PDB file of N, CA and C in Angstrom:
ATOM      1  N   MET A   1       0.820  -1.189   0.000  1.00  0.00           N
ATOM      2  CA  MET A   1       0.000   0.000   0.000  1.00  0.00           C
ATOM      3  C   MET A   1       0.867   1.256   0.000  1.00  0.00           C
ATOM      4  N   ASN A   2       1.922   1.260   0.790  1.00  0.00           N
ATOM      5  CA  ASN A   2       2.811   2.419   0.837  1.00  0.00           C
ATOM      6  C   ASN A   2       3.449   2.684  -0.518  1.00  0.00           C
ATOM      7  N   ASP A   3       3.746   1.624  -1.260  1.00  0.00           N
ATOM      8  CA  ASP A   3       4.330   1.792  -2.592  1.00  0.00           C
ATOM      9  C   ASP A   3       3.339   2.447  -3.543  1.00  0.00           C
ATOM     10  N   ARG A   4       2.079   2.081  -3.438  1.00  0.00           N
ATOM     11  CA  ARG A   4       1.055   2.688  -4.308  1.00  0.00           C
ATOM     12  C   ARG A   4       0.897   4.168  -3.977  1.00  0.00           C
ATOM     13  N   ILE A   5       0.925   4.504  -2.699  1.00  0.00           N
ATOM     14  CA  ILE A   5       0.805   5.899  -2.293  1.00  0.00           C
ATOM     15  C   ILE A   5       2.013   6.691  -2.777  1.00  0.00           C
ATOM     16  N   ALA A   6       3.200   6.128  -2.637  1.00  0.00           N
ATOM     17  CA  ALA A   6       4.414   6.807  -3.106  1.00  0.00           C
ATOM     18  C   ALA A   6       4.374   7.005  -4.621  1.00  0.00           C
ATOM     19  N   ALA A   7       3.859   6.032  -5.346  1.00  0.00           N
ATOM     20  CA  ALA A   7       3.780   6.147  -6.802  1.00  0.00           C
ATOM     21  C   ALA A   7       2.807   7.241  -7.223  1.00  0.00           C
ATOM     22  N   MET A   8       1.823   7.529  -6.397  1.00  0.00           N
ATOM     23  CA  MET A   8       0.828   8.549  -6.735  1.00  0.00           C
ATOM     24  C   MET A   8       1.219   9.946  -6.265  1.00  0.00           C
ATOM     25  N   SER A   9       2.404  10.096  -5.682  1.00  0.00           N
ATOM     26  CA  SER A   9       2.778  11.379  -5.094  1.00  0.00           C
ATOM     27  C   SER A   9       2.826  12.508  -6.126  1.00  0.00           C
ATOM     28  N   ARG A  10       3.303  12.249  -7.310  1.00  0.00           N
ATOM     29  CA  ARG A  10       3.331  13.298  -8.347  1.00  0.00           C
ATOM     30  C   ARG A  10       1.924  13.676  -8.789  1.00  0.00           C
ATOM     31  N   THR A  11       1.069  12.698  -8.899  1.00  0.00           N
ATOM     32  CA  THR A  11      -0.316  12.965  -9.276  1.00  0.00           C
ATOM     33  C   THR A  11      -1.009  13.790  -8.201  1.00  0.00           C
ATOM     34  N   VAL A  12      -0.747  13.460  -6.951  1.00  0.00           N
ATOM     35  CA  VAL A  12      -1.329  14.209  -5.834  1.00  0.00           C
ATOM     36  C   VAL A  12      -0.812  15.641  -5.852  1.00  0.00           C
ATOM     37  N   TYR A  13       0.490  15.817  -6.090  1.00  0.00           N
ATOM     38  CA  TYR A  13       1.051  17.170  -6.148  1.00  0.00           C
ATOM     39  C   TYR A  13       0.407  17.973  -7.291  1.00  0.00           C
ATOM     40  N   ALA A  14       0.249  17.368  -8.441  1.00  0.00           N
ATOM     41  CA  ALA A  14      -0.370  18.066  -9.574  1.00  0.00           C
ATOM     42  C   ALA A  14      -1.812  18.443  -9.240  1.00  0.00           C
ATOM     43  N   TRP A  15      -2.531  17.567  -8.572  1.00  0.00           N
ATOM     44  CA  TRP A  15      -3.904  17.850  -8.152  1.00  0.00           C
ATOM     45  C   TRP A  15      -3.925  19.025  -7.190  1.00  0.00           C
ATOM     46  N   CYS A  16      -2.988  19.042  -6.267  1.00  0.00           N
ATOM     47  CA  CYS A  16      -2.905  20.140  -5.295  1.00  0.00           C
ATOM     48  C   CYS A  16      -2.495  21.442  -5.969  1.00  0.00           C
ATOM     49  N   ALA A  17      -1.570  21.370  -6.913  1.00  0.00           N
ATOM     50  CA  ALA A  17      -1.115  22.575  -7.614  1.00  0.00           C
ATOM     51  C   ALA A  17      -2.252  23.217  -8.400  1.00  0.00           C
ATOM     52  N   ALA A  18      -3.163  22.411  -8.904  1.00  0.00           N
ATOM     53  CA  ALA A  18      -4.301  22.939  -9.654  1.00  0.00           C
ATOM     54  C   ALA A  18      -5.300  23.650  -8.743  1.00  0.00           C
ATOM     55  N   ARG A  19      -5.217  23.402  -7.443  1.00  0.00           N
ATOM     56  CA  ARG A  19      -6.180  23.967  -6.513  1.00  0.00           C
ATOM     57  C   ARG A  19      -5.616  25.061  -5.606  1.00  0.00           C
ATOM     58  N   THR A  20      -4.335  25.360  -5.737  1.00  0.00           N
ATOM     59  CA  THR A  20      -3.713  26.367  -4.888  1.00  0.00           C
ATOM     60  C   THR A  20      -3.072  27.452  -5.739  1.00  0.00           C
ATOM     61  N   ALA A  21      -2.763  28.571  -5.089  1.00  0.00           N
ATOM     62  CA  ALA A  21      -2.222  29.725  -5.811  1.00  0.00           C
ATOM     63  C   ALA A  21      -0.707  29.683  -5.959  1.00  0.00           C
ATOM     64  N   THR A  22      -0.026  29.042  -5.032  1.00  0.00           N
ATOM     65  CA  THR A  22       1.442  29.032  -5.081  1.00  0.00           C
ATOM     66  C   THR A  22       1.981  27.607  -4.996  1.00  0.00           C
ATOM     67  N   ALA A  23       3.216  27.464  -5.421  1.00  0.00           N
ATOM     68  CA  ALA A  23       3.872  26.157  -5.351  1.00  0.00           C
ATOM     69  C   ALA A  23       4.086  25.740  -3.901  1.00  0.00           C
ATOM     70  N   ALA A  24       4.367  26.703  -3.039  1.00  0.00           N
ATOM     71  CA  ALA A  24       4.571  26.378  -1.621  1.00  0.00           C
ATOM     72  C   ALA A  24       3.288  25.839  -1.006  1.00  0.00           C
ATOM     73  N   ASP A  25       2.155  26.454  -1.326  1.00  0.00           N
ATOM     74  CA  ASP A  25       0.871  25.948  -0.830  1.00  0.00           C
ATOM     75  C   ASP A  25       0.587  24.555  -1.374  1.00  0.00           C
ATOM     76  N   ALA A  26       0.913  24.331  -2.644  1.00  0.00           N
ATOM     77  CA  ALA A  26       0.693  23.019  -3.256  1.00  0.00           C
ATOM     78  C   ALA A  26       1.537  21.955  -2.563  1.00  0.00           C
ATOM     79  N   GLU A  27       2.791  22.290  -2.246  1.00  0.00           N
ATOM     80  CA  GLU A  27       3.661  21.332  -1.555  1.00  0.00           C
ATOM     81  C   GLU A  27       3.121  21.017  -0.164  1.00  0.00           C
ATOM     82  N   ASP A  28       2.703  22.055   0.556  1.00  0.00           N
ATOM     83  CA  ASP A  28       2.165  21.844   1.901  1.00  0.00           C
ATOM     84  C   ASP A  28       0.905  20.980   1.862  1.00  0.00           C
ATOM     85  N   LEU A  29       0.016  21.304   0.939  1.00  0.00           N
ATOM     86  CA  LEU A  29      -1.225  20.541   0.827  1.00  0.00           C
ATOM     87  C   LEU A  29      -0.931  19.095   0.419  1.00  0.00           C
ATOM     88  N   ALA A  30      -0.035  18.898  -0.530  1.00  0.00           N
ATOM     89  CA  ALA A  30       0.308  17.544  -0.976  1.00  0.00           C
ATOM     90  C   ALA A  30       0.880  16.724   0.175  1.00  0.00           C
ATOM     91  N   GLN A  31       1.724  17.354   1.001  1.00  0.00           N
ATOM     92  CA  GLN A  31       2.281  16.637   2.149  1.00  0.00           C
ATOM     93  C   GLN A  31       1.181  16.233   3.124  1.00  0.00           C
ATOM     94  N   GLU A  32       0.235  17.137   3.355  1.00  0.00           N
ATOM     95  CA  GLU A  32      -0.871  16.807   4.251  1.00  0.00           C
ATOM     96  C   GLU A  32      -1.725  15.670   3.690  1.00  0.00           C
ATOM     97  N   VAL A  33      -1.966  15.711   2.383  1.00  0.00           N
ATOM     98  CA  VAL A  33      -2.766  14.656   1.745  1.00  0.00           C
ATOM     99  C   VAL A  33      -2.051  13.313   1.843  1.00  0.00           C
ATOM    100  N   LEU A  34      -0.777  13.271   1.513  1.00  0.00           N
ATOM    101  CA  LEU A  34      -0.031  12.009   1.550  1.00  0.00           C
ATOM    102  C   LEU A  34       0.066  11.467   2.971  1.00  0.00           C
ATOM    103  N   LEU A  35       0.258  12.345   3.942  1.00  0.00           N
ATOM    104  CA  LEU A  35       0.302  11.902   5.331  1.00  0.00           C
ATOM    105  C   LEU A  35      -1.047  11.323   5.760  1.00  0.00           C
ATOM    106  N   ALA A  36      -2.121  11.982   5.372  1.00  0.00           N
ATOM    107  CA  ALA A  36      -3.458  11.468   5.710  1.00  0.00           C
ATOM    108  C   ALA A  36      -3.700  10.116   5.044  1.00  0.00           C
ATOM    109  N   MET A  37      -3.219   9.954   3.814  1.00  0.00           N
ATOM    110  CA  MET A  37      -3.379   8.664   3.132  1.00  0.00           C
ATOM    111  C   MET A  37      -2.623   7.560   3.857  1.00  0.00           C
ATOM    112  N   LEU A  38      -1.407   7.860   4.286  1.00  0.00           N
ATOM    113  CA  LEU A  38      -0.619   6.860   5.002  1.00  0.00           C
ATOM    114  C   LEU A  38      -1.281   6.478   6.324  1.00  0.00           C
ATOM    115  N   ARG A  39      -1.842   7.469   7.003  1.00  0.00           N
ATOM    116  CA  ARG A  39      -2.513   7.185   8.267  1.00  0.00           C
ATOM    117  C   ARG A  39      -3.806   6.390   8.067  1.00  0.00           C
ATOM    118  N   ALA A  40      -4.502   6.660   6.982  1.00  0.00           N
ATOM    119  CA  ALA A  40      -5.787   6.004   6.741  1.00  0.00           C
ATOM    120  C   ALA A  40      -5.649   4.672   6.001  1.00  0.00           C
ATOM    121  N   ALA A  41      -4.488   4.365   5.473  1.00  0.00           N
ATOM    122  CA  ALA A  41      -4.295   3.146   4.673  1.00  0.00           C
ATOM    123  C   ALA A  41      -4.709   1.869   5.398  1.00  0.00           C
ATOM    124  N   PRO A  42      -4.445   1.722   6.694  1.00  0.00           N
ATOM    125  CA  PRO A  42      -4.883   0.487   7.364  1.00  0.00           C
ATOM    126  C   PRO A  42      -6.401   0.299   7.381  1.00  0.00           C
ATOM    127  N   ASN A  43      -7.159   1.379   7.177  1.00  0.00           N
ATOM    128  CA  ASN A  43      -8.620   1.288   7.185  1.00  0.00           C
ATOM    129  C   ASN A  43      -9.193   0.819   5.848  1.00  0.00           C
ATOM    130  N   LEU A  44      -8.377   0.764   4.820  1.00  0.00           N
ATOM    131  CA  LEU A  44      -8.841   0.347   3.497  1.00  0.00           C
ATOM    132  C   LEU A  44      -9.085  -1.166   3.510  1.00  0.00           C
ATOM    133  N   ARG A  45     -10.304  -1.548   3.247  1.00  0.00           N
ATOM    134  CA  ARG A  45     -10.664  -2.970   3.300  1.00  0.00           C
ATOM    135  C   ARG A  45     -10.406  -3.692   1.985  1.00  0.00           C
ATOM    136  N   ASP A  46     -10.613  -3.009   0.874  1.00  0.00           N
ATOM    137  CA  ASP A  46     -10.484  -3.633  -0.440  1.00  0.00           C
ATOM    138  C   ASP A  46      -9.485  -2.839  -1.279  1.00  0.00           C
ATOM    139  N   GLU A  47      -8.392  -3.472  -1.670  1.00  0.00           N
ATOM    140  CA  GLU A  47      -7.366  -2.766  -2.431  1.00  0.00           C
ATOM    141  C   GLU A  47      -7.857  -2.339  -3.810  1.00  0.00           C
ATOM    142  N   LYS A  48      -8.932  -2.938  -4.301  1.00  0.00           N
ATOM    143  CA  LYS A  48      -9.488  -2.529  -5.592  1.00  0.00           C
ATOM    144  C   LYS A  48     -10.096  -1.128  -5.497  1.00  0.00           C
ATOM    145  N   ALA A  49     -10.417  -0.708  -4.290  1.00  0.00           N
ATOM    146  CA  ALA A  49     -11.025   0.603  -4.071  1.00  0.00           C
ATOM    147  C   ALA A  49      -9.978   1.668  -3.744  1.00  0.00           C
ATOM    148  N   PHE A  50      -8.704   1.387  -4.041  1.00  0.00           N
ATOM    149  CA  PHE A  50      -7.619   2.290  -3.660  1.00  0.00           C
ATOM    150  C   PHE A  50      -7.794   3.691  -4.236  1.00  0.00           C
ATOM    151  N   TYR A  51      -8.089   3.794  -5.517  1.00  0.00           N
ATOM    152  CA  TYR A  51      -8.152   5.119  -6.141  1.00  0.00           C
ATOM    153  C   TYR A  51      -9.328   5.943  -5.619  1.00  0.00           C
ATOM    154  N   GLY A  52     -10.448   5.344  -5.407  1.00  0.00           N
ATOM    155  CA  GLY A  52     -11.570   6.054  -4.804  1.00  0.00           C
ATOM    156  C   GLY A  52     -11.245   6.499  -3.387  1.00  0.00           C
ATOM    157  N   PHE A  53     -10.594   5.607  -2.646  1.00  0.00           N
ATOM    158  CA  PHE A  53     -10.145   5.923  -1.294  1.00  0.00           C
ATOM    159  C   PHE A  53      -9.174   7.095  -1.316  1.00  0.00           C
ATOM    160  N   MET A  54      -8.215   7.039  -2.233  1.00  0.00           N
ATOM    161  CA  MET A  54      -7.184   8.072  -2.323  1.00  0.00           C
ATOM    162  C   MET A  54      -7.801   9.439  -2.595  1.00  0.00           C
ATOM    163  N   TRP A  55      -8.720   9.508  -3.551  1.00  0.00           N
ATOM    164  CA  TRP A  55      -9.303  10.794  -3.910  1.00  0.00           C
ATOM    165  C   TRP A  55     -10.270  11.292  -2.857  1.00  0.00           C
ATOM    166  N   SER A  56     -10.925  10.402  -2.134  1.00  0.00           N
ATOM    167  CA  SER A  56     -11.806  10.872  -1.059  1.00  0.00           C
ATOM    168  C   SER A  56     -10.985  11.431   0.099  1.00  0.00           C
ATOM    169  N   VAL A  57      -9.867  10.805   0.417  1.00  0.00           N
ATOM    170  CA  VAL A  57      -8.972  11.344   1.442  1.00  0.00           C
ATOM    171  C   VAL A  57      -8.438  12.701   0.992  1.00  0.00           C
ATOM    172  N   ALA A  58      -8.021  12.808  -0.268  1.00  0.00           N
ATOM    173  CA  ALA A  58      -7.486  14.072  -0.789  1.00  0.00           C
ATOM    174  C   ALA A  58      -8.545  15.168  -0.715  1.00  0.00           C
ATOM    175  N   ALA A  59      -9.765  14.862  -1.089  1.00  0.00           N
ATOM    176  CA  ALA A  59     -10.834  15.866  -1.053  1.00  0.00           C
ATOM    177  C   ALA A  59     -11.133  16.307   0.375  1.00  0.00           C
ATOM    178  N   ASN A  60     -11.142  15.381   1.310  1.00  0.00           N
ATOM    179  CA  ASN A  60     -11.399  15.735   2.705  1.00  0.00           C
ATOM    180  C   ASN A  60     -10.287  16.596   3.289  1.00  0.00           C
ATOM    181  N   VAL A  61      -9.045  16.279   2.979  1.00  0.00           N
ATOM    182  CA  VAL A  61      -7.922  17.082   3.462  1.00  0.00           C
ATOM    183  C   VAL A  61      -7.973  18.468   2.829  1.00  0.00           C
ATOM    184  N   TYR A  62      -8.301  18.533   1.563  1.00  0.00           N
ATOM    185  CA  TYR A  62      -8.402  19.831   0.882  1.00  0.00           C
ATOM    186  C   TYR A  62      -9.488  20.700   1.505  1.00  0.00           C
ATOM    187  N   LYS A  63     -10.633  20.116   1.811  1.00  0.00           N
ATOM    188  CA  LYS A  63     -11.719  20.869   2.450  1.00  0.00           C
ATOM    189  C   LYS A  63     -11.278  21.408   3.810  1.00  0.00           C
ATOM    190  N   ALA A  64     -10.574  20.593   4.578  1.00  0.00           N
ATOM    191  CA  ALA A  64     -10.071  21.034   5.882  1.00  0.00           C
ATOM    192  C   ALA A  64      -9.017  22.125   5.702  1.00  0.00           C
ATOM    193  N   TRP A  65      -8.189  21.998   4.674  1.00  0.00           N
ATOM    194  CA  TRP A  65      -7.149  22.983   4.387  1.00  0.00           C
ATOM    195  C   TRP A  65      -7.773  24.332   4.022  1.00  0.00           C
ATOM    196  N   LEU A  66      -8.873  24.311   3.292  1.00  0.00           N
ATOM    197  CA  LEU A  66      -9.554  25.556   2.930  1.00  0.00           C
ATOM    198  C   LEU A  66     -10.136  26.260   4.151  1.00  0.00           C
ATOM    199  N   ARG A  67     -10.561  25.496   5.139  1.00  0.00           N
ATOM    200  CA  ARG A  67     -11.155  26.080   6.338  1.00  0.00           C
ATOM    201  C   ARG A  67     -10.120  26.666   7.291  1.00  0.00           C
ATOM    202  N   LYS A  68      -8.854  26.273   7.160  1.00  0.00           N
ATOM    203  CA  LYS A  68      -7.806  26.779   8.048  1.00  0.00           C
ATOM    204  C   LYS A  68      -7.577  28.262   7.802  1.00  0.00           C
ATOM    205  N   PRO A  69      -7.476  29.026   8.877  1.00  0.00           N
ATOM    206  CA  PRO A  69      -7.142  30.446   8.676  1.00  0.00           C
ATOM    207  C   PRO A  69      -5.668  30.587   8.283  1.00  0.00           C
ATOM    208  N   ARG A  70      -5.413  31.480   7.380  1.00  0.00           N
ATOM    209  CA  ARG A  70      -4.040  31.732   6.943  1.00  0.00           C
ATOM    210  C   ARG A  70      -3.711  33.195   7.190  1.00  0.00           C
ATOM    211  N   LEU A  71      -2.504  33.429   7.608  1.00  0.00           N
ATOM    212  CA  LEU A  71      -2.068  34.805   7.826  1.00  0.00           C
ATOM    213  C   LEU A  71      -1.751  35.445   6.480  1.00  0.00           C
ATOM    214  N   PRO A  72      -2.182  36.675   6.288  1.00  0.00           N
ATOM    215  CA  PRO A  72      -1.835  37.344   5.029  1.00  0.00           C
ATOM    216  C   PRO A  72      -0.340  37.626   4.997  1.00  0.00           C
ATOM    217  N   SER A  73       0.228  37.585   3.832  1.00  0.00           N
ATOM    218  CA  SER A  73       1.656  37.865   3.697  1.00  0.00           C
ATOM    219  C   SER A  73       1.838  39.184   2.966  1.00  0.00           C
ATOM    220  N   ALA A  74       2.888  39.873   3.330  1.00  0.00           N
ATOM    221  CA  ALA A  74       3.196  41.152   2.704  1.00  0.00           C
ATOM    222  C   ALA A  74       4.703  41.252   2.541  1.00  0.00           C
ATOM    223  N   GLU A  75       5.119  41.901   1.512  1.00  0.00           N
ATOM    224  CA  GLU A  75       6.539  42.085   1.259  1.00  0.00           C
ATOM    225  C   GLU A  75       7.047  43.256   2.076  1.00  0.00           C
ATOM    226  N   LEU A  76       8.158  43.068   2.779  1.00  0.00           N
ATOM    227  CA  LEU A  76       8.746  44.139   3.563  1.00  0.00           C
ATOM    228  C   LEU A  76       9.708  44.930   2.683  1.00  0.00           C
ATOM    229  N   THR A  77       9.634  46.236   2.807  1.00  0.00           N
ATOM    230  CA  THR A  77      10.516  47.092   2.021  1.00  0.00           C
ATOM    231  C   THR A  77      11.399  47.900   2.937  1.00  0.00           C
ATOM    232  N   GLU A  78      12.398  48.557   2.382  1.00  0.00           N
ATOM    233  CA  GLU A  78      13.313  49.396   3.155  1.00  0.00           C
ATOM    234  C   GLU A  78      12.590  50.632   3.686  1.00  0.00           C
ATOM    235  N   ALA A  79      11.531  51.068   3.027  1.00  0.00           N
ATOM    236  CA  ALA A  79      10.800  52.262   3.446  1.00  0.00           C
ATOM    237  C   ALA A  79       9.995  52.026   4.714  1.00  0.00           C
ATOM    238  N   LEU A  80       9.927  50.811   5.188  1.00  0.00           N
ATOM    239  CA  LEU A  80       9.144  50.476   6.367  1.00  0.00           C
ATOM    240  C   LEU A  80       9.657  51.194   7.610  1.00  0.00           C
ATOM    241  N   ALA A  81      10.958  51.303   7.731  1.00  0.00           N
ATOM    242  CA  ALA A  81      11.556  51.953   8.921  1.00  0.00           C
ATOM    243  C   ALA A  81      11.207  53.415   8.905  1.00  0.00           C
TER     244      ALA A  81
END
């Protein structure tokens, strides 16, 4: 199961990149999705249902990620002082 999840890591990253504004956000989201998949893998009863399981975990993590508050970022300039 871990090998299947590792093989899907690029696909998961591409899915996350399509849903986020920056590459850093995509990497963070992809890491959260892959970690959730690894944690939930023992609950998978039928390996034939792997892809449905994978995408449902990804969608749930994405929904939770959207609900998280994020601090706004701003560029600091020399004129700030």
